Amino acid sequence: MELLKWVQLLFSEYGYAVLFIGLLLECIALPFPGETTMSYAGYLSYAGKLDFWGLLVLAFVGTTIGITITYLIGLKAGLPFIKRYGKWVLLTDHKIERAQKWFNKYGNGLIFIGYFIPGVRHFTGYFAGIISLPFRKFALYAYSGAALWVTLFLSIGKIFGPQWKSVFHLVEKYSFWVVGGIILVAVLLLLYRSRNKFLPLLLKTERKKKVKHVSKPR
């Protein structure tokens, strides 16, 4: 059965529960087309069949519960346990080694951006637990990343309506760069809004440097 038809059938039979349970299972590393499902759910909200904010809450909660479960498994069981039993949830040695390389490259930030990298978001929670990352730090990266991930893909269907599939394929292909652009814009907006706060501090610091330079004995 074609993937989209299968997703449509699931929604027709189970409604909102599809999003919550599906994303929870996907974060544990079980096969589920999370991004396609979210975009289609957004389209259903565009069509007036489902409530967008209800979908957003369920998607966020399902995702965060799923990745928190993987964090706790990694924290309590460790890497040997995951290597031994991970195959039951499709965590092969090759995938584990790949995720480890990504973690070494990007550090804790991978927990945030990992949602947008195919084949990586399923493992970031496990590795965060394995390296005993403090829960507060894990939650900061994992939950903020989840919020951006679910908002982005639900919004594709909600905003673009009947054209959601075309936009979805573009965003899916370039999601890593899309997210980088969103973060850059957010940082620039934050800096712009805070300019009245930080500019006087910068000027004050600069003046102090000049005074010290002038007052130095020659």
C-alpha atoms as a PDB file:
ATOM      1  CA  MET A   1       0.000   0.000   0.000  1.00  0.00           C
ATOM      2  CA  GLU A   2       1.282   3.468  -0.870  1.00  0.00           C
ATOM      3  CA  LEU A   3       2.640   5.277   2.194  1.00  0.00           C
ATOM      4  CA  LEU A   4       0.262   8.246   2.025  1.00  0.00           C
ATOM      5  CA  LYS A   5      -2.777   6.025   1.535  1.00  0.00           C
ATOM      6  CA  TRP A   6      -1.732   4.043   4.588  1.00  0.00           C
ATOM      7  CA  VAL A   7      -1.423   7.264   6.630  1.00  0.00           C
ATOM      8  CA  GLN A   8      -4.843   8.417   5.366  1.00  0.00           C
ATOM      9  CA  LEU A   9      -6.371   5.090   6.388  1.00  0.00           C
ATOM     10  CA  LEU A  10      -4.867   5.348   9.861  1.00  0.00           C
ATOM     11  CA  PHE A  11      -6.314   8.833  10.366  1.00  0.00           C
ATOM     12  CA  SER A  12      -9.738   7.775   9.112  1.00  0.00           C
ATOM     13  CA  GLU A  13      -9.809   4.951  11.679  1.00  0.00           C
ATOM     14  CA  TYR A  14      -7.944   6.356  14.694  1.00  0.00           C
ATOM     15  CA  GLY A  15      -7.875  10.158  14.311  1.00  0.00           C
ATOM     16  CA  TYR A  16      -5.650  12.136  16.670  1.00  0.00           C
ATOM     17  CA  ALA A  17      -4.214   9.015  18.323  1.00  0.00           C
ATOM     18  CA  VAL A  18      -2.229   8.238  15.151  1.00  0.00           C
ATOM     19  CA  LEU A  19       0.004  11.249  15.653  1.00  0.00           C
ATOM     20  CA  PHE A  20       0.641  10.711  19.364  1.00  0.00           C
ATOM     21  CA  ILE A  21       1.343   6.956  19.242  1.00  0.00           C
ATOM     22  CA  GLY A  22       3.149   7.058  15.897  1.00  0.00           C
ATOM     23  CA  LEU A  23       5.641   9.766  16.880  1.00  0.00           C
ATOM     24  CA  LEU A  24       6.234   8.151  20.270  1.00  0.00           C
ATOM     25  CA  LEU A  25       7.106   4.845  18.580  1.00  0.00           C
ATOM     26  CA  GLU A  26       9.236   6.527  15.924  1.00  0.00           C
ATOM     27  CA  CYS A  27      11.398   8.202  18.559  1.00  0.00           C
ATOM     28  CA  ILE A  28      12.023   4.789  20.113  1.00  0.00           C
ATOM     29  CA  ALA A  29      13.326   3.779  16.635  1.00  0.00           C
ATOM     30  CA  LEU A  30      10.350   1.805  15.356  1.00  0.00           C
ATOM     31  CA  PRO A  31       9.490   2.490  11.690  1.00  0.00           C
ATOM     32  CA  PHE A  32       6.875   5.208  11.304  1.00  0.00           C
ATOM     33  CA  PRO A  33       6.662   8.045   8.719  1.00  0.00           C
ATOM     34  CA  GLY A  34       6.513  10.856  11.259  1.00  0.00           C
ATOM     35  CA  GLU A  35       7.167  13.810   8.983  1.00  0.00           C
ATOM     36  CA  THR A  36       4.700  12.650   6.310  1.00  0.00           C
ATOM     37  CA  THR A  37       2.086  11.991   8.974  1.00  0.00           C
ATOM     38  CA  MET A  38       2.517  15.426  10.552  1.00  0.00           C
ATOM     39  CA  SER A  39       2.292  17.220   7.209  1.00  0.00           C
ATOM     40  CA  TYR A  40      -0.850  15.310   6.274  1.00  0.00           C
ATOM     41  CA  ALA A  41      -2.328  16.010   9.711  1.00  0.00           C
ATOM     42  CA  GLY A  42      -1.628  19.692   9.122  1.00  0.00           C
ATOM     43  CA  TYR A  43      -3.495  19.435   5.833  1.00  0.00           C
ATOM     44  CA  LEU A  44      -6.464  17.863   7.655  1.00  0.00           C
ATOM     45  CA  SER A  45      -6.485  20.872   9.986  1.00  0.00           C
ATOM     46  CA  TYR A  46      -6.398  23.151   6.910  1.00  0.00           C
ATOM     47  CA  ALA A  47      -9.460  21.275   5.631  1.00  0.00           C
ATOM     48  CA  GLY A  48     -11.206  21.794   8.969  1.00  0.00           C
ATOM     49  CA  LYS A  49     -11.273  18.109   9.900  1.00  0.00           C
ATOM     50  CA  LEU A  50      -8.832  18.296  12.826  1.00  0.00           C
ATOM     51  CA  ASP A  51      -7.773  21.030  15.236  1.00  0.00           C
ATOM     52  CA  PHE A  52      -4.261  22.355  14.569  1.00  0.00           C
ATOM     53  CA  TRP A  53      -3.439  23.217  18.187  1.00  0.00           C
ATOM     54  CA  GLY A  54      -4.653  19.824  19.375  1.00  0.00           C
ATOM     55  CA  LEU A  55      -2.395  18.171  16.788  1.00  0.00           C
ATOM     56  CA  LEU A  56       0.534  20.345  17.853  1.00  0.00           C
ATOM     57  CA  VAL A  57       0.170  19.390  21.523  1.00  0.00           C
ATOM     58  CA  LEU A  58      -0.228  15.664  20.789  1.00  0.00           C
ATOM     59  CA  ALA A  59       2.712  15.636  18.369  1.00  0.00           C
ATOM     60  CA  PHE A  60       4.945  17.446  20.867  1.00  0.00           C
ATOM     61  CA  VAL A  61       3.939  15.248  23.810  1.00  0.00           C
ATOM     62  CA  GLY A  62       4.283  12.013  21.818  1.00  0.00           C
ATOM     63  CA  THR A  63       7.722  13.036  20.549  1.00  0.00           C
ATOM     64  CA  THR A  64       9.051  14.162  23.923  1.00  0.00           C
ATOM     65  CA  ILE A  65       7.761  11.057  25.723  1.00  0.00           C
ATOM     66  CA  GLY A  66       9.380   8.848  23.082  1.00  0.00           C
ATOM     67  CA  ILE A  67      12.793  10.519  23.204  1.00  0.00           C
ATOM     68  CA  THR A  68      12.704  10.670  27.021  1.00  0.00           C
ATOM     69  CA  ILE A  69      12.129   6.893  27.131  1.00  0.00           C
ATOM     70  CA  THR A  70      15.205   6.374  24.934  1.00  0.00           C
ATOM     71  CA  TYR A  71      17.239   8.706  27.167  1.00  0.00           C
ATOM     72  CA  LEU A  72      16.280   6.691  30.261  1.00  0.00           C
ATOM     73  CA  ILE A  73      17.109   3.393  28.510  1.00  0.00           C
ATOM     74  CA  GLY A  74      20.535   4.741  27.531  1.00  0.00           C
ATOM     75  CA  LEU A  75      21.111   6.129  31.032  1.00  0.00           C
ATOM     76  CA  LYS A  76      20.090   2.992  32.942  1.00  0.00           C
ATOM     77  CA  ALA A  77      21.104   0.209  30.544  1.00  0.00           C
ATOM     78  CA  GLY A  78      24.149   1.624  28.746  1.00  0.00           C
ATOM     79  CA  LEU A  79      25.732   0.935  25.368  1.00  0.00           C
ATOM     80  CA  PRO A  80      26.369  -2.847  25.790  1.00  0.00           C
ATOM     81  CA  PHE A  81      22.648  -3.453  26.433  1.00  0.00           C
ATOM     82  CA  ILE A  82      21.618  -1.354  23.430  1.00  0.00           C
ATOM     83  CA  LYS A  83      24.124  -3.122  21.157  1.00  0.00           C
ATOM     84  CA  ARG A  84      22.834  -6.488  22.328  1.00  0.00           C
ATOM     85  CA  TYR A  85      19.095  -5.857  22.154  1.00  0.00           C
ATOM     86  CA  GLY A  86      18.874  -2.815  19.876  1.00  0.00           C
ATOM     87  CA  LYS A  87      18.213  -4.959  16.798  1.00  0.00           C
ATOM     88  CA  TRP A  88      14.683  -5.533  18.083  1.00  0.00           C
ATOM     89  CA  VAL A  89      13.955  -1.850  17.459  1.00  0.00           C
ATOM     90  CA  LEU A  90      16.160  -1.630  14.340  1.00  0.00           C
ATOM     91  CA  LEU A  91      19.192  -0.236  16.203  1.00  0.00           C
ATOM     92  CA  THR A  92      21.854  -2.069  14.187  1.00  0.00           C
ATOM     93  CA  ASP A  93      25.579  -1.751  14.929  1.00  0.00           C
ATOM     94  CA  HIS A  94      26.037   0.251  11.720  1.00  0.00           C
ATOM     95  CA  LYS A  95      23.361   2.774  12.745  1.00  0.00           C
ATOM     96  CA  ILE A  96      24.764   3.034  16.264  1.00  0.00           C
ATOM     97  CA  GLU A  97      28.275   3.720  14.938  1.00  0.00           C
ATOM     98  CA  ARG A  98      26.886   6.310  12.526  1.00  0.00           C
ATOM     99  CA  ALA A  99      25.031   8.119  15.305  1.00  0.00           C
ATOM    100  CA  GLN A 100      28.168   8.005  17.464  1.00  0.00           C
ATOM    101  CA  LYS A 101      30.153   9.759  14.713  1.00  0.00           C
ATOM    102  CA  TRP A 102      27.471  12.460  14.422  1.00  0.00           C
ATOM    103  CA  PHE A 103      27.539  12.914  18.205  1.00  0.00           C
ATOM    104  CA  ASN A 104      31.320  13.289  18.193  1.00  0.00           C
ATOM    105  CA  LYS A 105      31.007  15.885  15.433  1.00  0.00           C
ATOM    106  CA  TYR A 106      28.157  18.039  16.785  1.00  0.00           C
ATOM    107  CA  GLY A 107      28.089  17.258  20.509  1.00  0.00           C
ATOM    108  CA  ASN A 108      24.955  18.003  22.512  1.00  0.00           C
ATOM    109  CA  GLY A 109      23.607  20.200  19.713  1.00  0.00           C
ATOM    110  CA  LEU A 110      22.896  17.019  17.759  1.00  0.00           C
ATOM    111  CA  ILE A 111      20.000  16.325  20.134  1.00  0.00           C
ATOM    112  CA  PHE A 112      18.360  19.507  18.832  1.00  0.00           C
ATOM    113  CA  ILE A 113      19.167  19.256  15.118  1.00  0.00           C
ATOM    114  CA  GLY A 114      18.983  15.444  15.009  1.00  0.00           C
ATOM    115  CA  TYR A 115      15.227  15.558  14.395  1.00  0.00           C
ATOM    116  CA  PHE A 116      15.975  16.988  10.953  1.00  0.00           C
ATOM    117  CA  ILE A 117      18.669  14.474   9.957  1.00  0.00           C
ATOM    118  CA  PRO A 118      17.284  11.244   8.439  1.00  0.00           C
ATOM    119  CA  GLY A 119      18.245   8.184  10.480  1.00  0.00           C
ATOM    120  CA  VAL A 120      19.710  10.195  13.363  1.00  0.00           C
ATOM    121  CA  ARG A 121      16.761  11.408  15.468  1.00  0.00           C
ATOM    122  CA  HIS A 122      16.046   7.808  16.513  1.00  0.00           C
ATOM    123  CA  PHE A 123      19.381   7.524  18.342  1.00  0.00           C
ATOM    124  CA  THR A 124      20.115  10.889  19.947  1.00  0.00           C
ATOM    125  CA  GLY A 125      18.094  10.122  23.080  1.00  0.00           C
ATOM    126  CA  TYR A 126      19.915   6.822  23.630  1.00  0.00           C
ATOM    127  CA  PHE A 127      23.332   8.454  23.311  1.00  0.00           C
ATOM    128  CA  ALA A 128      22.397  11.354  25.560  1.00  0.00           C
ATOM    129  CA  GLY A 129      21.590   8.766  28.232  1.00  0.00           C
ATOM    130  CA  ILE A 130      24.688   6.667  27.527  1.00  0.00           C
ATOM    131  CA  ILE A 131      27.009   9.656  28.107  1.00  0.00           C
ATOM    132  CA  SER A 132      24.995  10.545  31.255  1.00  0.00           C
ATOM    133  CA  LEU A 133      24.059  13.989  30.011  1.00  0.00           C
ATOM    134  CA  PRO A 134      22.218  15.792  32.861  1.00  0.00           C
ATOM    135  CA  PHE A 135      18.458  15.568  32.340  1.00  0.00           C
ATOM    136  CA  ARG A 136      17.951  19.347  32.375  1.00  0.00           C
ATOM    137  CA  LYS A 137      20.460  19.821  29.584  1.00  0.00           C
ATOM    138  CA  PHE A 138      18.996  16.889  27.642  1.00  0.00           C
ATOM    139  CA  ALA A 139      15.471  18.278  28.032  1.00  0.00           C
ATOM    140  CA  LEU A 140      16.553  21.753  26.889  1.00  0.00           C
ATOM    141  CA  TYR A 141      17.945  20.412  23.597  1.00  0.00           C
ATOM    142  CA  ALA A 142      15.457  17.580  23.049  1.00  0.00           C
ATOM    143  CA  TYR A 143      12.225  19.398  23.878  1.00  0.00           C
ATOM    144  CA  SER A 144      13.081  22.634  22.058  1.00  0.00           C
ATOM    145  CA  GLY A 145      14.115  20.600  18.996  1.00  0.00           C
ATOM    146  CA  ALA A 146      10.880  18.620  19.193  1.00  0.00           C
ATOM    147  CA  ALA A 147       8.845  21.831  19.356  1.00  0.00           C
ATOM    148  CA  LEU A 148      10.510  23.194  16.209  1.00  0.00           C
ATOM    149  CA  TRP A 149      10.276  19.842  14.365  1.00  0.00           C
ATOM    150  CA  VAL A 150       6.562  19.235  14.951  1.00  0.00           C
ATOM    151  CA  THR A 151       5.659  22.892  14.348  1.00  0.00           C
ATOM    152  CA  LEU A 152       7.521  22.967  11.030  1.00  0.00           C
ATOM    153  CA  PHE A 153       5.984  19.822   9.538  1.00  0.00           C
ATOM    154  CA  LEU A 154       2.456  20.384  10.849  1.00  0.00           C
ATOM    155  CA  SER A 155       2.611  23.937   9.482  1.00  0.00           C
ATOM    156  CA  ILE A 156       3.438  22.675   5.982  1.00  0.00           C
ATOM    157  CA  GLY A 157       0.007  21.088   5.679  1.00  0.00           C
ATOM    158  CA  LYS A 158      -1.752  23.875   7.543  1.00  0.00           C
ATOM    159  CA  ILE A 159      -0.279  26.733   5.513  1.00  0.00           C
ATOM    160  CA  PHE A 160       0.039  25.230   2.038  1.00  0.00           C
ATOM    161  CA  GLY A 161      -3.142  23.137   2.013  1.00  0.00           C
ATOM    162  CA  PRO A 162      -3.573  21.136  -1.230  1.00  0.00           C
ATOM    163  CA  GLN A 163       0.027  21.924  -2.258  1.00  0.00           C
ATOM    164  CA  TRP A 164       1.462  20.447   0.925  1.00  0.00           C
ATOM    165  CA  LYS A 165       3.050  17.421  -0.782  1.00  0.00           C
ATOM    166  CA  SER A 166       5.218  19.514  -3.105  1.00  0.00           C
ATOM    167  CA  VAL A 167       6.410  21.751  -0.263  1.00  0.00           C
ATOM    168  CA  PHE A 168       6.913  18.732   2.003  1.00  0.00           C
ATOM    169  CA  HIS A 169       9.318  17.043  -0.419  1.00  0.00           C
ATOM    170  CA  LEU A 170      11.377  20.232  -0.698  1.00  0.00           C
ATOM    171  CA  VAL A 171      11.533  20.771   3.060  1.00  0.00           C
ATOM    172  CA  GLU A 172      12.277  17.086   3.689  1.00  0.00           C
ATOM    173  CA  LYS A 173      15.171  17.202   1.216  1.00  0.00           C
ATOM    174  CA  TYR A 174      16.674  20.416   2.589  1.00  0.00           C
ATOM    175  CA  SER A 175      15.374  20.271   6.176  1.00  0.00           C
ATOM    176  CA  PHE A 176      18.866  20.581   7.694  1.00  0.00           C
ATOM    177  CA  TRP A 177      19.416  23.869   5.830  1.00  0.00           C
ATOM    178  CA  VAL A 178      15.851  25.052   6.457  1.00  0.00           C
ATOM    179  CA  VAL A 179      16.372  24.619  10.185  1.00  0.00           C
ATOM    180  CA  GLY A 180      19.731  26.394  10.012  1.00  0.00           C
ATOM    181  CA  GLY A 181      18.000  29.318   8.287  1.00  0.00           C
ATOM    182  CA  ILE A 182      15.228  29.408  10.902  1.00  0.00           C
ATOM    183  CA  ILE A 183      17.759  29.447  13.740  1.00  0.00           C
ATOM    184  CA  LEU A 184      19.790  32.200  12.048  1.00  0.00           C
ATOM    185  CA  VAL A 185      16.687  34.355  11.527  1.00  0.00           C
ATOM    186  CA  ALA A 186      15.628  33.756  15.154  1.00  0.00           C
ATOM    187  CA  VAL A 187      19.061  34.808  16.444  1.00  0.00           C
ATOM    188  CA  LEU A 188      19.080  37.937  14.264  1.00  0.00           C
ATOM    189  CA  LEU A 189      15.578  38.871  15.449  1.00  0.00           C
ATOM    190  CA  LEU A 190      16.626  38.340  19.061  1.00  0.00           C
ATOM    191  CA  LEU A 191      19.670  40.536  18.584  1.00  0.00           C
ATOM    192  CA  TYR A 192      17.596  43.203  16.847  1.00  0.00           C
ATOM    193  CA  ARG A 193      14.982  43.256  19.623  1.00  0.00           C
ATOM    194  CA  SER A 194      17.686  43.374  22.278  1.00  0.00           C
ATOM    195  CA  ARG A 195      19.710  46.098  20.592  1.00  0.00           C
ATOM    196  CA  ASN A 196      18.515  48.823  23.016  1.00  0.00           C
ATOM    197  CA  LYS A 197      19.636  46.648  25.895  1.00  0.00           C
ATOM    198  CA  PHE A 198      23.033  45.531  24.664  1.00  0.00           C
ATOM    199  CA  LEU A 199      24.194  48.528  22.621  1.00  0.00           C
ATOM    200  CA  PRO A 200      24.676  50.815  25.656  1.00  0.00           C
ATOM    201  CA  LEU A 201      26.623  48.012  27.381  1.00  0.00           C
ATOM    202  CA  LEU A 202      28.885  47.601  24.364  1.00  0.00           C
ATOM    203  CA  LEU A 203      29.469  51.352  24.137  1.00  0.00           C
ATOM    204  CA  LYS A 204      30.186  51.531  27.854  1.00  0.00           C
ATOM    205  CA  THR A 205      32.700  48.673  27.600  1.00  0.00           C
ATOM    206  CA  GLU A 206      34.369  50.334  24.606  1.00  0.00           C
ATOM    207  CA  ARG A 207      34.669  53.645  26.484  1.00  0.00           C
ATOM    208  CA  LYS A 208      36.285  51.877  29.452  1.00  0.00           C
ATOM    209  CA  LYS A 209      38.831  50.271  27.136  1.00  0.00           C
ATOM    210  CA  LYS A 210      39.694  53.662  25.646  1.00  0.00           C
ATOM    211  CA  VAL A 211      40.052  55.274  29.105  1.00  0.00           C
ATOM    212  CA  LYS A 212      42.380  52.467  30.233  1.00  0.00           C
ATOM    213  CA  HIS A 213      44.433  52.822  27.087  1.00  0.00           C
ATOM    214  CA  VAL A 214      44.785  56.604  27.532  1.00  0.00           C
ATOM    215  CA  SER A 215      45.570  56.359  31.256  1.00  0.00           C
ATOM    216  CA  LYS A 216      48.400  53.839  30.782  1.00  0.00           C
ATOM    217  CA  PRO A 217      51.784  55.359  31.671  1.00  0.00           C
ATOM    218  CA  ARG A 218      54.104  55.843  28.725  1.00  0.00           C
END
